[in-house]
Amino acid sequence: MKNEIPFIAKWALLFRNQKYPRIYRQKISLHGKRFVLINEISKIPPEERKNYILLFYAEEKHFNAFYADLNQHRIEILQEFYAVCGLDFSTYPGLDEEENIVAIKRNRQFCSFCQQNDILCIYNIVWTNKNSYKVAFRNVEKDCVVIISTYRLQKDDDEVFRKGYLKMKQTIHPSIILCYGEPQKVMENDVSKGLVKRVPPRFELLKLEYAEKTGQYSFLEALLSA
């Protein structure tokens, strides 16, 4: 057998001795930027991609190669966009916590690698129970822009999300929190203050794109602006 670790990218081995690879604060402007999901990028001509922020909220089969084999070609794809939001490997609160920690580490490793290679990367923060907080929140520079997802949460006051959200804010003090999906109840005050900016999920993005093409609605009016 080959001496290989499945699904672990060669570049990620650079971080094998770092429990919490550094996530830096980068200067990111959201003004006039659109969002596109990894499985929709074929619609965006390369010359227009600097106006887009790339999202990885999709099935892992659509983006796992960006972790498992982040070759030069894939790095060049990332560089075509204004910014990317970190990978979104799945976690499952209440199930195998070791697997959850591995997923969170992968998200961090990818974002740290991008930042060290002159790619603007918005850290996608994922957590489960309090045992994951160190891995998810430690060694993240304060006042950075982050993104979280509420898309698959089953209720508006999810306890795991609420506790982790408050701890995340206390630890990182993010300057902007992008929310992919509907903000949870715990986020209401931050929404009113402008700290939380909602990012429409995939089906809303597609609906808005269709409406813009048919002249029924302005796509930019519905998208996030700073």
Protein backbone atom coordinates (compact mmCIF):
# COMPACT_ATOMS: atom_id res chain seq x y z
CA MET A 1 0.00 0.00 0.00
CA LYS A 2 1.11 3.54 -0.66
CA ASN A 3 2.00 5.53 2.40
CA GLU A 4 -0.78 8.08 1.97
CA ILE A 5 -3.44 9.57 4.20
CA PRO A 6 -6.77 9.59 2.32
CA PHE A 7 -8.48 12.96 1.78
CA ILE A 8 -5.59 14.90 3.31
CA ALA A 9 -4.03 17.34 0.90
CA LYS A 10 -0.27 17.50 0.62
CA TRP A 11 -0.35 21.21 1.38
CA ALA A 12 -2.36 20.54 4.54
CA LEU A 13 0.55 18.53 5.94
CA LEU A 14 2.28 21.87 6.38
CA PHE A 15 -0.16 22.48 9.23
CA ARG A 16 0.14 19.09 10.89
CA ASN A 17 1.99 20.54 13.88
CA GLN A 18 -0.34 23.52 14.19
CA LYS A 19 -3.50 22.87 16.16
CA TYR A 20 -4.84 26.31 15.32
CA PRO A 21 -3.33 27.75 12.13
CA ARG A 22 -3.51 31.54 12.17
CA ILE A 23 -6.49 33.27 10.55
CA TYR A 24 -5.59 36.88 9.72
CA ARG A 25 -7.71 39.99 9.42
CA GLN A 26 -7.72 41.06 5.77
CA LYS A 27 -9.08 44.25 4.24
CA ILE A 28 -12.28 43.14 2.54
CA SER A 29 -14.83 45.41 0.87
CA LEU A 30 -18.27 43.97 0.24
CA HIS A 31 -19.55 46.91 -1.76
CA GLY A 32 -21.09 45.85 -5.05
CA LYS A 33 -19.90 42.26 -4.75
CA ARG A 34 -22.02 39.32 -5.78
CA PHE A 35 -21.89 35.79 -4.44
CA VAL A 36 -21.60 32.58 -6.40
CA LEU A 37 -21.53 28.98 -5.28
CA ILE A 38 -18.74 26.64 -6.34
CA ASN A 39 -21.11 24.51 -8.42
CA GLU A 40 -22.36 27.58 -10.31
CA ILE A 41 -19.06 29.18 -11.37
CA SER A 42 -19.25 27.94 -14.94
CA LYS A 43 -21.87 30.66 -15.48
CA ILE A 44 -19.40 33.41 -14.60
CA PRO A 45 -16.89 34.41 -17.32
CA PRO A 46 -13.33 34.57 -15.94
CA GLU A 47 -13.06 38.29 -16.73
CA GLU A 48 -16.07 39.00 -14.46
CA ARG A 49 -15.05 36.89 -11.48
CA LYS A 50 -13.28 39.71 -9.63
CA ASN A 51 -16.76 41.05 -8.88
CA TYR A 52 -17.73 37.83 -7.08
CA ILE A 53 -17.14 36.20 -3.73
CA LEU A 54 -16.94 32.42 -4.01
CA LEU A 55 -19.03 30.31 -1.63
CA PHE A 56 -18.49 26.64 -0.82
CA TYR A 57 -21.94 25.91 0.62
CA ALA A 58 -22.59 22.84 -1.48
CA GLU A 59 -22.28 19.08 -1.23
CA GLU A 60 -18.71 18.14 -0.39
CA LYS A 61 -18.29 16.35 -3.71
CA HIS A 62 -18.38 19.77 -5.36
CA PHE A 63 -15.42 21.16 -3.41
CA ASN A 64 -13.49 18.32 -1.76
CA ALA A 65 -10.83 18.49 -4.50
CA PHE A 66 -9.96 22.00 -3.34
CA TYR A 67 -8.81 20.38 -0.11
CA ALA A 68 -7.65 16.95 -1.23
CA ASP A 69 -5.78 18.16 -4.31
CA LEU A 70 -5.25 21.91 -4.23
CA ASN A 71 -3.07 21.97 -7.33
CA GLN A 72 -1.90 25.01 -9.26
CA HIS A 73 -4.93 24.99 -11.55
CA ARG A 74 -7.34 25.14 -8.60
CA ILE A 75 -5.29 27.84 -6.91
CA GLU A 76 -5.57 29.90 -10.10
CA ILE A 77 -9.36 29.42 -10.05
CA LEU A 78 -9.49 30.82 -6.51
CA GLN A 79 -7.32 33.76 -7.54
CA GLU A 80 -9.81 34.72 -10.24
CA PHE A 81 -12.36 35.79 -7.61
CA TYR A 82 -12.33 38.90 -5.46
CA ALA A 83 -12.48 36.71 -2.35
CA VAL A 84 -13.43 33.21 -1.27
CA CYS A 85 -15.29 31.97 1.78
CA GLY A 86 -13.64 29.01 3.45
CA LEU A 87 -14.63 25.43 2.83
CA ASP A 88 -17.70 24.03 4.58
CA PHE A 89 -17.00 20.44 5.57
CA SER A 90 -20.01 18.99 7.36
CA THR A 91 -20.30 18.69 11.12
CA TYR A 92 -22.98 16.83 13.04
CA PRO A 93 -23.64 17.98 16.63
CA GLY A 94 -24.30 15.03 18.90
CA LEU A 95 -22.49 12.53 16.71
CA ASP A 96 -18.79 11.62 16.44
CA GLU A 97 -16.99 14.65 17.87
CA GLU A 98 -13.59 13.56 16.55
CA GLU A 99 -14.93 13.69 13.01
CA ASN A 100 -16.40 17.12 13.72
CA ILE A 101 -13.01 18.37 14.89
CA VAL A 102 -11.37 17.03 11.73
CA ALA A 103 -13.92 18.93 9.61
CA ILE A 104 -13.32 22.17 11.52
CA LYS A 105 -9.54 21.77 11.17
CA ARG A 106 -9.91 21.31 7.43
CA ASN A 107 -11.91 24.52 7.17
CA ARG A 108 -9.19 26.39 9.08
CA GLN A 109 -6.31 24.87 7.14
CA PHE A 110 -7.80 25.84 3.81
CA CYS A 111 -8.48 29.43 4.87
CA SER A 112 -5.01 29.84 6.40
CA PHE A 113 -3.39 28.48 3.24
CA CYS A 114 -5.36 30.90 1.05
CA GLN A 115 -4.41 33.88 3.19
CA GLN A 116 -0.75 32.92 3.07
CA ASN A 117 -0.96 32.79 -0.72
CA ASP A 118 -2.41 36.25 -1.33
CA ILE A 119 -6.01 35.07 -1.67
CA LEU A 120 -8.62 37.01 0.27
CA CYS A 121 -10.38 34.38 2.37
CA ILE A 122 -13.32 34.93 4.70
CA TYR A 123 -13.13 32.35 7.49
CA ASN A 124 -16.13 30.03 7.50
CA ILE A 125 -16.69 29.37 11.21
CA VAL A 126 -18.22 26.04 12.15
CA TRP A 127 -18.64 24.70 15.67
CA THR A 128 -20.52 21.98 17.51
CA ASN A 129 -20.34 21.64 21.30
CA LYS A 130 -17.99 23.53 23.65
CA ASN A 131 -15.20 21.01 23.01
CA SER A 132 -14.92 22.43 19.49
CA TYR A 133 -14.56 26.07 20.53
CA LYS A 134 -10.77 26.06 20.82
CA VAL A 135 -10.36 24.54 17.38
CA ALA A 136 -12.94 26.86 15.82
CA PHE A 137 -12.16 30.17 17.57
CA ARG A 138 -8.59 30.22 18.84
CA ASN A 139 -5.82 32.12 17.01
CA VAL A 140 -8.25 34.08 14.85
CA GLU A 141 -7.29 37.74 14.57
CA LYS A 142 -9.82 40.12 16.07
CA ASP A 143 -11.96 42.41 13.91
CA CYS A 144 -11.84 40.12 10.87
CA VAL A 145 -14.76 39.41 8.53
CA VAL A 146 -16.22 35.94 9.08
CA ILE A 147 -19.07 33.92 7.64
CA ILE A 148 -21.39 31.40 9.26
CA SER A 149 -24.26 29.30 7.94
CA THR A 150 -27.72 28.88 9.42
CA TYR A 151 -29.09 27.28 6.28
CA ARG A 152 -29.76 23.81 7.66
CA LEU A 153 -30.67 24.69 11.24
CA GLN A 154 -34.03 23.24 12.16
CA LYS A 155 -35.27 25.95 14.55
CA ASP A 156 -34.85 29.64 15.24
CA ASP A 157 -33.24 29.17 18.67
CA ASP A 158 -30.87 26.27 18.12
CA GLU A 159 -29.07 25.78 21.45
CA VAL A 160 -25.76 24.56 20.00
CA PHE A 161 -25.68 27.46 17.56
CA ARG A 162 -26.70 30.06 20.15
CA LYS A 163 -24.06 29.10 22.72
CA GLY A 164 -21.30 28.88 20.11
CA TYR A 165 -22.32 32.15 18.48
CA LEU A 166 -22.02 34.07 21.73
CA LYS A 167 -18.65 32.46 22.48
CA MET A 168 -17.42 33.20 18.97
CA LYS A 169 -18.30 36.89 19.31
CA GLN A 170 -16.66 37.08 22.72
CA THR A 171 -13.46 35.47 21.43
CA ILE A 172 -13.04 36.95 17.95
CA HIS A 173 -14.97 40.26 18.01
CA PRO A 174 -15.57 40.09 14.23
CA SER A 175 -16.04 43.35 12.32
CA ILE A 176 -18.68 41.79 10.05
CA ILE A 177 -20.53 38.49 10.30
CA LEU A 178 -21.88 37.24 6.99
CA CYS A 179 -24.82 34.91 7.50
CA TYR A 180 -25.63 32.39 4.79
CA GLY A 181 -29.33 31.81 5.41
CA GLU A 182 -31.79 33.31 7.87
CA PRO A 183 -30.28 34.90 10.99
CA GLN A 184 -31.13 33.09 14.22
CA LYS A 185 -32.96 34.76 17.08
CA VAL A 186 -29.69 35.28 18.99
CA MET A 187 -28.45 37.41 16.08
CA GLU A 188 -31.37 39.87 15.95
CA ASN A 189 -29.62 42.66 17.84
CA ASP A 190 -26.49 42.28 15.69
CA VAL A 191 -28.62 42.46 12.54
CA SER A 192 -30.17 45.73 13.70
CA LYS A 193 -26.70 47.15 14.44
CA GLY A 194 -25.42 46.18 10.99
CA LEU A 195 -22.89 43.70 12.35
CA VAL A 196 -24.65 40.78 10.65
CA LYS A 197 -25.13 40.88 6.86
CA ARG A 198 -27.33 38.25 5.30
CA VAL A 199 -26.14 36.31 2.25
CA PRO A 200 -29.02 34.80 0.25
CA PRO A 201 -28.79 30.99 0.03
CA ARG A 202 -28.51 29.17 -3.28
CA PHE A 203 -32.16 29.04 -4.30
CA GLU A 204 -32.65 32.73 -3.56
CA LEU A 205 -29.53 33.61 -5.55
CA LEU A 206 -30.82 31.65 -8.53
CA LYS A 207 -34.28 33.20 -8.20
CA LEU A 208 -32.83 36.71 -8.06
CA GLU A 209 -30.54 35.96 -11.01
CA TYR A 210 -33.52 34.85 -13.08
CA ALA A 211 -35.54 37.90 -12.05
CA GLU A 212 -32.70 40.23 -13.06
CA LYS A 213 -32.36 38.56 -16.46
CA THR A 214 -36.07 38.97 -17.12
CA GLY A 215 -36.02 42.59 -15.98
CA GLN A 216 -38.29 41.99 -13.00
CA TYR A 217 -35.88 42.88 -10.22
CA SER A 218 -32.46 44.37 -9.58
CA PHE A 219 -30.06 41.64 -8.52
CA LEU A 220 -27.64 44.09 -6.91
CA GLU A 221 -30.41 45.72 -4.85
CA ALA A 222 -31.09 42.42 -3.10
CA LEU A 223 -27.48 41.54 -2.48
CA LEU A 224 -25.29 42.49 0.39
CA SER A 225 -23.53 45.84 0.22
CA ALA A 226 -21.27 47.46 2.79
